Protein backbone atom coordinates (compact mmCIF):
# COMPACT_ATOMS: atom_id res chain seq x y z
CA MET A 1 0.11 -0.19 -0.23
CA PRO A 2 1.39 3.70 -0.66
CA GLU A 3 2.24 4.86 2.69
CA GLU A 4 2.76 8.43 1.07
CA ALA A 5 -1.07 8.24 0.59
CA LEU A 6 -1.58 8.73 4.56
CA PRO A 7 -1.67 11.08 6.56
CA GLU A 8 1.72 12.20 7.55
CA SER A 9 0.43 11.32 11.50
CA TRP A 10 -0.23 7.33 10.06
CA ILE A 11 1.98 4.52 9.16
CA VAL A 12 1.38 1.26 7.71
CA TRP A 13 2.01 -1.28 10.15
CA ASN A 14 1.84 -4.37 8.85
CA ASP A 15 0.62 -4.80 4.90
CA GLU A 16 0.50 -8.64 3.65
CA PRO A 17 0.53 -8.47 0.19
CA ASP A 18 -3.09 -9.12 -1.34
CA GLY A 19 -3.92 -9.25 2.24
CA ARG A 20 -4.68 -7.96 5.65
CA CYS A 21 -3.12 -4.42 5.95
CA ILE A 22 -2.70 -2.46 9.43
CA LEU A 23 -2.57 1.29 9.82
CA ALA A 24 -1.41 2.89 13.07
CA TYR A 25 -1.66 6.36 14.30
CA ARG A 26 1.72 7.98 16.14
CA PRO A 27 3.31 5.10 17.24
CA ASP A 28 5.85 7.41 18.35
CA VAL A 29 3.78 8.93 21.05
CA PHE A 30 1.93 5.52 22.21
CA ASP A 31 5.33 4.29 23.77
CA THR A 32 4.26 3.86 27.54
CA GLN A 33 5.69 7.60 28.62
CA GLN A 34 3.00 9.98 26.84
CA PHE A 35 0.10 7.64 25.54
CA PRO A 36 -0.69 3.71 26.69
CA PRO A 37 0.66 1.30 23.76
CA GLU A 38 -2.32 -0.84 24.17
CA CYS A 39 -4.44 2.50 23.09
CA LEU A 40 -2.43 2.86 19.76
CA PRO A 41 -5.31 3.64 17.59
CA THR A 42 -5.22 0.94 14.43
CA ILE A 43 -7.08 0.82 11.44
CA TYR A 44 -7.64 -3.07 10.39
CA LEU A 45 -8.48 -3.71 6.53
CA THR A 46 -8.92 -7.56 6.10
CA GLN A 47 -10.95 -9.43 3.60
CA GLY A 48 -13.40 -11.73 5.17
CA THR A 49 -15.40 -11.90 8.17
CA PRO A 50 -14.80 -8.99 10.39
CA ASN A 51 -15.47 -9.59 14.08
CA ARG A 52 -14.13 -13.29 14.64
CA PRO A 53 -10.90 -14.43 15.80
CA PRO A 54 -8.06 -14.94 13.37
CA GLN A 55 -8.62 -18.71 13.66
CA GLU A 56 -12.07 -18.93 12.73
CA HIS A 57 -11.53 -16.16 9.75
CA ARG A 58 -13.54 -16.83 6.71
CA THR A 59 -12.36 -15.29 3.28
CA THR A 60 -15.03 -13.67 1.55
CA ASP A 61 -15.35 -11.46 -2.06
CA SER A 62 -15.82 -8.34 0.13
CA TRP A 63 -12.90 -6.09 2.36
CA TYR A 64 -13.91 -4.55 5.64
CA LEU A 65 -12.70 -1.42 7.62
CA LYS A 66 -12.47 -1.92 11.59
CA PHE A 67 -10.93 0.80 13.76
CA TYR A 68 -9.60 0.42 16.81
CA LEU A 69 -9.25 2.55 19.25
CA GLU A 70 -8.07 0.10 22.20
CA PRO A 71 -8.40 -3.45 22.22
CA ASN A 72 -11.91 -3.65 23.12
CA VAL A 73 -12.85 -0.34 22.05
CA THR A 74 -13.97 -0.06 18.09
CA LEU A 75 -15.70 2.08 15.97
CA SER A 76 -19.19 0.62 15.54
CA GLU A 77 -19.29 1.15 11.72
CA THR A 78 -17.20 -1.90 9.69
CA PRO A 79 -17.87 -0.78 6.17
CA ARG A 80 -17.70 -3.22 3.26
CA PHE A 81 -16.06 -2.75 -0.16
CA PRO A 82 -15.94 -5.15 -2.89
CA THR A 83 -11.90 -4.39 -3.63
CA ARG A 84 -8.97 -3.72 -1.60
CA ASP A 85 -7.80 -0.66 -3.18
CA GLU A 86 -11.48 0.58 -2.27
CA ALA A 87 -10.96 -0.44 0.94
CA PHE A 88 -7.50 1.21 1.65
CA ASP A 89 -8.68 4.42 -0.12
CA ALA A 90 -11.38 4.61 2.84
CA ALA A 91 -8.80 3.92 5.25
CA VAL A 92 -6.92 6.76 4.05
CA GLU A 93 -10.07 9.03 4.03
CA LEU A 94 -10.55 7.90 7.74
CA ALA A 95 -7.53 8.18 9.12
CA ALA A 96 -7.55 11.66 7.66
CA LYS A 97 -10.65 12.44 9.37
CA PHE A 98 -9.32 11.02 12.95
CA ALA A 99 -6.38 12.88 12.12
CA ARG A 100 -8.10 16.33 11.87
CA GLY A 101 -10.11 15.38 14.88
CA GLU A 102 -13.35 14.73 12.97
CA VAL A 103 -14.03 11.19 14.37
CA ASP A 104 -16.34 11.01 17.42
CA TYR A 105 -14.41 8.63 19.08
CA ARG A 106 -15.60 9.39 22.63
CA ALA A 107 -18.95 7.91 21.65
CA CYS A 108 -17.27 4.40 21.59
CA TYR A 109 -16.45 4.39 25.35
CA GLN A 110 -19.13 3.05 27.58
CA VAL A 111 -16.91 3.83 30.59
CA PRO A 112 -15.36 7.46 29.77
CA ARG A 113 -11.83 7.76 30.48
CA GLU A 114 -11.90 11.26 30.66
CA ALA A 115 -8.09 12.09 31.35
CA TYR A 116 -6.86 9.66 28.85
CA LEU A 117 -9.66 11.40 25.83
CA ASP A 118 -8.73 14.52 27.04
CA ARG A 119 -5.33 14.04 25.99
CA LEU A 120 -5.93 12.05 22.79
CA ASP A 121 -8.17 15.31 21.82
CA GLU A 122 -5.42 17.62 22.29
CA LEU A 123 -3.20 15.24 20.19
CA THR A 124 -5.71 15.30 16.93
CA GLY A 125 -6.67 18.87 17.41
CA ARG A 126 -10.48 17.92 18.37
CA GLU A 127 -12.32 20.38 20.45
CA ALA A 128 -13.76 18.39 23.50
């Protein structure tokens, strides 16, 4: 995947040829000192059924995006795309929206972590 297409705050963390791709937000600050590493925002692009453990993964003709804020905190949407390229383009747009502070990630938390979310708001330029 062309890393140059990503907003500067995002990197390609993993890219399997014709398979799963993982984008990561600012791994330089999710380093145990500034932000907890388990909270590294990631976007998974995968072919097959989302929300299944890897050992139960079933390949389909569709590609899906899943945005993880933490291991058990995700954006509720899991958009579906007919091709990997279309899914990647959508992942880039989602990454850009997140970097601009246009993603309402606070709504994803059932138990608010106000201090952490306030710091994340500052990092993304989002107004609380």
